[in-house]
């Protein structure tokens, strides 16, 4: 038994030393929520917004012609346009034209491409 007391004391010292070197217990930081401010009240947009951008003049080749109201046009860079006009203009398929257009206010199926309201057309030579 004489040797048991020093052995027990050594075990207690080693155990206590092991506990002293362990990392401290994790404590979560206090959570503070960010200040919330509600957005300023506004009215809904009136009419067309992002779609109502003037397009201007476009040059291309007529892919669907006739006397309307629907036409097709492909520009030199490959952009397709579906044109709509109630003016009754005659555009011949394969002709090179310069067309002025604005975003269409009505939704009508005039074929593949970006729908535009054709406001003027001029043949190119």
N, C-alpha and C. Protein backbone atom coordinates (compact mmCIF):
# COMPACT_ATOMS: atom_id res chain seq x y z
N UNK A 1 0.79 -1.18 0.00
CA UNK A 1 0.00 0.00 0.00
C UNK A 1 0.84 1.27 0.00
N UNK A 2 2.09 1.10 0.40
CA UNK A 2 2.93 2.28 0.44
C UNK A 2 3.08 2.88 -0.94
N UNK A 3 3.08 2.07 -1.94
CA UNK A 3 3.27 2.59 -3.29
C UNK A 3 1.97 3.08 -3.94
N UNK A 4 0.84 2.74 -3.40
CA UNK A 4 -0.44 3.10 -3.99
C UNK A 4 -0.71 4.59 -3.85
N UNK A 5 -0.36 5.20 -2.74
CA UNK A 5 -0.65 6.61 -2.51
C UNK A 5 0.11 7.49 -3.50
N UNK A 6 1.43 7.26 -3.73
CA UNK A 6 2.11 8.09 -4.72
C UNK A 6 1.57 7.86 -6.14
N UNK A 7 1.15 6.65 -6.46
CA UNK A 7 0.62 6.36 -7.79
C UNK A 7 -0.70 7.09 -8.00
N UNK A 8 -1.55 7.09 -6.98
CA UNK A 8 -2.84 7.78 -7.07
C UNK A 8 -2.59 9.28 -7.19
N UNK A 9 -1.64 9.80 -6.47
CA UNK A 9 -1.33 11.23 -6.53
C UNK A 9 -0.82 11.59 -7.94
N UNK A 10 -0.01 10.73 -8.54
CA UNK A 10 0.52 11.00 -9.88
C UNK A 10 -0.61 10.98 -10.92
N UNK A 11 -1.54 10.05 -10.75
CA UNK A 11 -2.67 9.98 -11.69
C UNK A 11 -3.52 11.24 -11.58
N UNK A 12 -3.73 11.71 -10.35
CA UNK A 12 -4.53 12.93 -10.17
C UNK A 12 -3.82 14.14 -10.77
N UNK A 13 -2.49 14.21 -10.64
CA UNK A 13 -1.75 15.33 -11.19
C UNK A 13 -1.83 15.30 -12.72
N UNK A 14 -1.65 14.12 -13.34
CA UNK A 14 -1.71 14.01 -14.79
C UNK A 14 -3.11 14.34 -15.30
N UNK A 15 -4.13 13.87 -14.61
CA UNK A 15 -5.51 14.14 -15.02
C UNK A 15 -5.82 15.63 -14.90
N UNK A 16 -5.39 16.25 -13.82
CA UNK A 16 -5.64 17.67 -13.63
C UNK A 16 -4.88 18.49 -14.68
N UNK A 17 -3.68 18.06 -15.01
CA UNK A 17 -2.90 18.78 -16.02
C UNK A 17 -3.57 18.64 -17.39
N UNK A 18 -4.15 17.47 -17.68
CA UNK A 18 -4.84 17.28 -18.95
C UNK A 18 -6.08 18.15 -19.05
N UNK A 19 -6.79 18.34 -17.96
CA UNK A 19 -7.97 19.19 -17.97
C UNK A 19 -7.60 20.66 -18.11
N UNK A 20 -6.46 21.03 -17.57
CA UNK A 20 -6.05 22.43 -17.63
C UNK A 20 -5.68 22.84 -19.05
N UNK A 21 -5.20 21.88 -19.88
CA UNK A 21 -4.77 22.24 -21.23
C UNK A 21 -5.90 22.10 -22.26
N UNK A 22 -7.05 21.65 -21.86
CA UNK A 22 -8.15 21.51 -22.82
C UNK A 22 -8.68 22.90 -23.18
N UNK A 23 -9.22 23.04 -24.38
CA UNK A 23 -9.71 24.36 -24.80
C UNK A 23 -10.89 24.80 -23.95
N UNK A 24 -11.08 26.09 -23.83
CA UNK A 24 -12.19 26.56 -23.02
C UNK A 24 -13.52 26.20 -23.68
N UNK A 25 -14.53 26.10 -22.88
CA UNK A 25 -15.85 25.76 -23.38
C UNK A 25 -16.33 26.86 -24.34
N UNK A 26 -17.05 26.47 -25.41
CA UNK A 26 -17.53 27.42 -26.41
C UNK A 26 -18.75 28.16 -25.88
N UNK A 27 -18.68 29.43 -25.99
CA UNK A 27 -19.84 30.25 -25.65
C UNK A 27 -20.20 31.06 -26.89
N UNK A 28 -21.45 31.03 -27.29
CA UNK A 28 -21.85 31.74 -28.51
C UNK A 28 -21.92 33.23 -28.23
N UNK A 29 -21.49 34.02 -29.21
CA UNK A 29 -21.57 35.47 -29.02
C UNK A 29 -23.04 35.91 -29.02
N UNK A 30 -23.28 36.98 -28.38
CA UNK A 30 -24.65 37.48 -28.33
C UNK A 30 -25.07 37.88 -29.74
N UNK A 31 -26.24 37.44 -30.19
CA UNK A 31 -26.73 37.73 -31.53
C UNK A 31 -27.48 39.05 -31.51
N UNK A 32 -27.06 39.90 -32.41
CA UNK A 32 -27.79 41.15 -32.58
C UNK A 32 -28.28 41.20 -34.01
N UNK A 33 -29.55 41.38 -34.21
CA UNK A 33 -30.10 41.42 -35.55
C UNK A 33 -29.79 42.77 -36.18
N UNK A 34 -29.54 42.77 -37.50
CA UNK A 34 -29.28 44.04 -38.16
C UNK A 34 -30.54 44.91 -38.14
N UNK A 35 -30.32 46.18 -38.12
CA UNK A 35 -31.47 47.09 -38.09
C UNK A 35 -32.23 46.96 -39.40
N UNK A 36 -33.52 46.77 -39.34
CA UNK A 36 -34.35 46.62 -40.53
C UNK A 36 -35.10 47.91 -40.77
N UNK A 37 -34.95 48.39 -41.98
CA UNK A 37 -35.73 49.56 -42.36
C UNK A 37 -36.56 49.16 -43.56
N UNK A 38 -37.82 49.44 -43.51
CA UNK A 38 -38.70 49.08 -44.61
C UNK A 38 -38.45 50.03 -45.78
N UNK A 39 -38.58 49.50 -47.01
CA UNK A 39 -38.37 50.37 -48.16
C UNK A 39 -39.44 51.44 -48.23
N UNK A 40 -39.09 52.53 -48.84
CA UNK A 40 -40.04 53.62 -48.97
C UNK A 40 -41.22 53.17 -49.83
N UNK A 41 -42.38 53.52 -49.41
CA UNK A 41 -43.57 53.14 -50.16
C UNK A 41 -43.58 53.87 -51.50
N UNK A 42 -43.90 53.14 -52.54
CA UNK A 42 -43.98 53.75 -53.86
C UNK A 42 -45.20 53.20 -54.58
N UNK A 43 -45.57 53.88 -55.61
CA UNK A 43 -46.70 53.44 -56.41
C UNK A 43 -46.21 52.49 -57.48
N UNK A 44 -47.07 51.59 -57.95
CA UNK A 44 -46.66 50.69 -59.02
C UNK A 44 -46.40 51.48 -60.30
N UNK A 45 -45.56 50.95 -61.18
CA UNK A 45 -45.27 51.67 -62.42
C UNK A 45 -46.53 51.79 -63.28
N UNK A 46 -46.59 52.84 -64.06
CA UNK A 46 -47.72 53.04 -64.96
C UNK A 46 -47.29 52.69 -66.37
N UNK A 47 -48.05 51.87 -67.03
CA UNK A 47 -47.75 51.51 -68.41
C UNK A 47 -46.51 50.64 -68.51
N UNK A 48 -45.88 50.68 -69.67
CA UNK A 48 -44.69 49.89 -69.90
C UNK A 48 -43.48 50.57 -69.27
N UNK A 49 -42.57 49.79 -68.74
CA UNK A 49 -41.38 50.37 -68.11
C UNK A 49 -40.15 49.94 -68.89
N UNK A 50 -39.55 48.83 -68.52
CA UNK A 50 -38.31 48.39 -69.16
C UNK A 50 -38.50 48.02 -70.63
N UNK A 51 -39.69 47.59 -71.00
CA UNK A 51 -39.91 47.18 -72.38
C UNK A 51 -40.18 48.36 -73.30
N UNK A 52 -40.35 49.53 -72.77
CA UNK A 52 -40.73 50.69 -73.56
C UNK A 52 -39.51 51.53 -73.92
N UNK A 53 -38.51 50.90 -74.48
CA UNK A 53 -37.31 51.62 -74.89
C UNK A 53 -37.34 51.78 -76.40
N UNK A 54 -37.07 52.97 -76.90
CA UNK A 54 -37.09 53.14 -78.35
C UNK A 54 -36.00 52.29 -79.00
N UNK A 55 -36.37 51.64 -80.08
CA UNK A 55 -35.43 50.77 -80.77
C UNK A 55 -34.67 51.52 -81.84
N UNK A 56 -35.33 52.42 -82.55
CA UNK A 56 -34.65 53.17 -83.60
C UNK A 56 -34.69 52.43 -84.91
N UNK A 57 -33.72 52.71 -85.76
CA UNK A 57 -33.67 52.13 -87.09
C UNK A 57 -32.88 50.83 -87.08
N UNK A 58 -33.39 49.84 -87.83
CA UNK A 58 -32.77 48.52 -87.96
C UNK A 58 -32.62 48.22 -89.44
N UNK A 59 -31.48 47.69 -89.82
CA UNK A 59 -31.25 47.31 -91.21
C UNK A 59 -31.15 45.80 -91.28
N UNK A 60 -31.86 45.21 -92.25
CA UNK A 60 -31.82 43.77 -92.38
C UNK A 60 -32.50 43.28 -93.64
N UNK A 61 -32.69 41.97 -93.70
CA UNK A 61 -33.32 41.31 -94.84
C UNK A 61 -34.69 40.79 -94.42
N UNK A 62 -35.69 41.04 -95.26
CA UNK A 62 -37.04 40.60 -94.97
C UNK A 62 -37.12 39.09 -95.15
N UNK A 63 -37.61 38.38 -94.12
CA UNK A 63 -37.76 36.93 -94.19
C UNK A 63 -39.22 36.52 -94.36
N UNK A 64 -40.14 37.38 -93.96
CA UNK A 64 -41.57 37.14 -94.15
C UNK A 64 -42.18 38.45 -94.63
N UNK A 65 -42.57 38.50 -95.89
CA UNK A 65 -43.06 39.75 -96.47
C UNK A 65 -44.55 39.72 -96.72
N UNK A 66 -44.97 40.66 -97.54
CA UNK A 66 -46.38 40.78 -97.87
C UNK A 66 -46.88 42.18 -97.55
N UNK A 67 -48.19 42.28 -97.35
CA UNK A 67 -48.79 43.58 -97.03
C UNK A 67 -49.18 43.68 -95.56
N UNK A 68 -48.73 42.76 -94.75
CA UNK A 68 -48.92 42.86 -93.30
C UNK A 68 -50.16 42.15 -92.79
N UNK A 69 -50.42 42.26 -91.58
CA UNK A 69 -49.81 43.15 -90.61
C UNK A 69 -48.52 42.61 -89.99
N UNK A 70 -48.13 41.36 -90.32
CA UNK A 70 -46.92 40.78 -89.73
C UNK A 70 -45.84 40.60 -90.79
N UNK A 71 -44.61 40.85 -90.35
CA UNK A 71 -43.43 40.72 -91.22
C UNK A 71 -42.32 40.07 -90.40
N UNK A 72 -41.33 39.54 -91.09
CA UNK A 72 -40.14 39.00 -90.44
C UNK A 72 -38.91 39.69 -90.97
N UNK A 73 -37.91 39.89 -90.10
CA UNK A 73 -36.68 40.57 -90.49
C UNK A 73 -35.51 39.95 -89.74
N UNK A 74 -34.39 39.77 -90.44
CA UNK A 74 -33.15 39.28 -89.82
C UNK A 74 -32.07 40.29 -90.13
N UNK A 75 -31.37 40.76 -89.08
CA UNK A 75 -30.29 41.72 -89.27
C UNK A 75 -29.02 40.98 -89.68
N UNK A 76 -27.99 41.74 -90.03
CA UNK A 76 -26.73 41.14 -90.47
C UNK A 76 -26.04 40.34 -89.37
N UNK A 77 -26.28 40.70 -88.11
CA UNK A 77 -25.67 39.95 -87.01
C UNK A 77 -26.51 38.76 -86.57
N UNK A 78 -27.63 38.48 -87.27
CA UNK A 78 -28.44 37.30 -87.00
C UNK A 78 -29.60 37.51 -86.05
N UNK A 79 -29.83 38.73 -85.61
CA UNK A 79 -30.95 39.00 -84.71
C UNK A 79 -32.26 38.95 -85.50
N UNK A 80 -33.23 38.19 -84.97
CA UNK A 80 -34.52 38.05 -85.64
C UNK A 80 -35.53 39.01 -85.02
N UNK A 81 -36.33 39.62 -85.87
CA UNK A 81 -37.39 40.51 -85.43
C UNK A 81 -38.71 40.07 -86.05
N UNK A 82 -39.75 40.10 -85.25
CA UNK A 82 -41.12 39.90 -85.72
C UNK A 82 -41.75 41.28 -85.72
N UNK A 83 -42.06 41.78 -86.90
CA UNK A 83 -42.56 43.14 -87.03
C UNK A 83 -44.08 43.14 -87.19
N UNK A 84 -44.71 44.15 -86.62
CA UNK A 84 -46.17 44.30 -86.75
C UNK A 84 -46.47 45.73 -87.16
N UNK A 85 -47.34 45.87 -88.18
CA UNK A 85 -47.76 47.19 -88.62
C UNK A 85 -49.13 47.08 -89.26
N UNK A 86 -50.02 47.97 -88.89
CA UNK A 86 -51.35 47.99 -89.50
C UNK A 86 -51.42 48.98 -90.65
N UNK A 87 -50.29 49.58 -91.03
CA UNK A 87 -50.26 50.58 -92.10
C UNK A 87 -50.43 49.95 -93.48
N UNK A 88 -50.22 48.65 -93.60
CA UNK A 88 -50.38 47.98 -94.88
C UNK A 88 -49.22 48.17 -95.83
N UNK A 89 -48.05 48.41 -95.30
CA UNK A 89 -46.86 48.58 -96.15
C UNK A 89 -46.51 47.25 -96.82
N UNK A 90 -45.99 47.32 -98.02
CA UNK A 90 -45.60 46.11 -98.74
C UNK A 90 -44.09 45.92 -98.60
N UNK A 91 -43.72 44.76 -98.05
CA UNK A 91 -42.31 44.38 -97.93
C UNK A 91 -42.14 43.05 -98.66
N UNK A 92 -41.24 42.99 -99.61
CA UNK A 92 -41.00 41.78 -100.38
C UNK A 92 -39.96 40.91 -99.68
N UNK A 93 -40.23 39.60 -99.66
CA UNK A 93 -39.30 38.66 -99.05
C UNK A 93 -37.96 38.72 -99.77
N UNK A 94 -36.87 38.79 -99.01
CA UNK A 94 -35.51 38.85 -99.55
C UNK A 94 -35.02 40.27 -99.78
N UNK A 95 -35.88 41.27 -99.64
CA UNK A 95 -35.47 42.67 -99.86
C UNK A 95 -34.68 43.19 -98.66
N UNK A 96 -33.71 44.05 -98.93
CA UNK A 96 -32.96 44.73 -97.87
C UNK A 96 -33.71 46.01 -97.53
N UNK A 97 -34.01 46.18 -96.25
CA UNK A 97 -34.79 47.35 -95.83
C UNK A 97 -34.21 47.95 -94.57
N UNK A 98 -34.59 49.18 -94.37
CA UNK A 98 -34.27 49.90 -93.13
C UNK A 98 -35.61 50.16 -92.46
N UNK A 99 -35.76 49.67 -91.23
CA UNK A 99 -37.05 49.71 -90.53
C UNK A 99 -36.89 50.46 -89.23
N UNK A 100 -37.85 51.33 -88.94
CA UNK A 100 -37.89 51.99 -87.64
C UNK A 100 -38.93 51.27 -86.80
N UNK A 101 -38.58 50.94 -85.56
CA UNK A 101 -39.50 50.21 -84.71
C UNK A 101 -39.45 50.64 -83.27
N UNK A 102 -40.54 50.38 -82.59
CA UNK A 102 -40.65 50.60 -81.15
C UNK A 102 -41.21 49.32 -80.54
N UNK A 103 -41.00 49.11 -79.25
CA UNK A 103 -41.57 47.92 -78.62
C UNK A 103 -43.09 47.89 -78.81
N UNK A 104 -43.61 46.73 -79.13
CA UNK A 104 -45.03 46.60 -79.41
C UNK A 104 -45.85 46.79 -78.13
N UNK A 105 -46.91 47.54 -78.24
CA UNK A 105 -47.81 47.77 -77.11
C UNK A 105 -48.81 46.63 -76.96
N UNK A 106 -49.07 45.93 -78.06
CA UNK A 106 -49.97 44.78 -78.01
C UNK A 106 -49.15 43.51 -78.18
N UNK A 107 -49.64 42.43 -77.64
CA UNK A 107 -48.97 41.15 -77.78
C UNK A 107 -49.67 40.36 -78.87
N UNK A 108 -48.97 40.19 -79.97
CA UNK A 108 -49.51 39.47 -81.11
C UNK A 108 -48.44 38.52 -81.60
N UNK A 109 -48.83 37.37 -82.11
CA UNK A 109 -47.86 36.39 -82.60
C UNK A 109 -47.56 36.67 -84.06
N UNK A 110 -46.44 37.29 -84.32
CA UNK A 110 -46.01 37.58 -85.69
C UNK A 110 -44.82 36.71 -86.08
N UNK A 111 -44.66 35.58 -85.43
CA UNK A 111 -43.58 34.66 -85.76
C UNK A 111 -42.41 34.77 -84.80
N UNK A 112 -41.30 34.09 -85.15
CA UNK A 112 -40.15 34.08 -84.25
C UNK A 112 -39.41 35.42 -84.26
N UNK A 113 -38.84 35.75 -83.12
CA UNK A 113 -38.04 36.97 -83.01
C UNK A 113 -38.62 37.95 -82.02
N UNK A 114 -37.90 39.02 -81.85
CA UNK A 114 -38.30 40.08 -80.93
C UNK A 114 -39.42 40.90 -81.58
N UNK A 115 -40.54 41.02 -80.89
CA UNK A 115 -41.70 41.70 -81.44
C UNK A 115 -41.52 43.21 -81.38
N UNK A 116 -41.67 43.86 -82.54
CA UNK A 116 -41.58 45.31 -82.63
C UNK A 116 -42.76 45.85 -83.42
N UNK A 117 -43.16 47.05 -83.07
CA UNK A 117 -44.16 47.77 -83.85
C UNK A 117 -43.40 48.57 -84.90
N UNK A 118 -43.63 48.26 -86.18
CA UNK A 118 -42.93 48.95 -87.26
C UNK A 118 -43.62 50.29 -87.52
N UNK A 119 -42.85 51.36 -87.37
CA UNK A 119 -43.42 52.70 -87.58
C UNK A 119 -43.05 53.27 -88.94
N UNK A 120 -41.97 52.79 -89.55
CA UNK A 120 -41.56 53.24 -90.88
C UNK A 120 -40.66 52.20 -91.50
N UNK A 121 -40.68 52.14 -92.83
CA UNK A 121 -39.82 51.21 -93.56
C UNK A 121 -39.34 51.89 -94.84
N UNK A 122 -38.06 51.69 -95.15
CA UNK A 122 -37.47 52.26 -96.35
C UNK A 122 -36.67 51.18 -97.06
N UNK A 123 -36.87 51.00 -98.38
CA UNK A 123 -36.06 50.02 -99.10
C UNK A 123 -34.63 50.54 -99.27
N UNK A 124 -33.68 49.63 -99.24
CA UNK A 124 -32.28 49.98 -99.47
C UNK A 124 -31.88 49.51 -100.87
N UNK A 125 -31.01 50.21 -101.49
CA UNK A 125 -30.56 49.84 -102.84
C UNK A 125 -29.19 49.27 -102.79
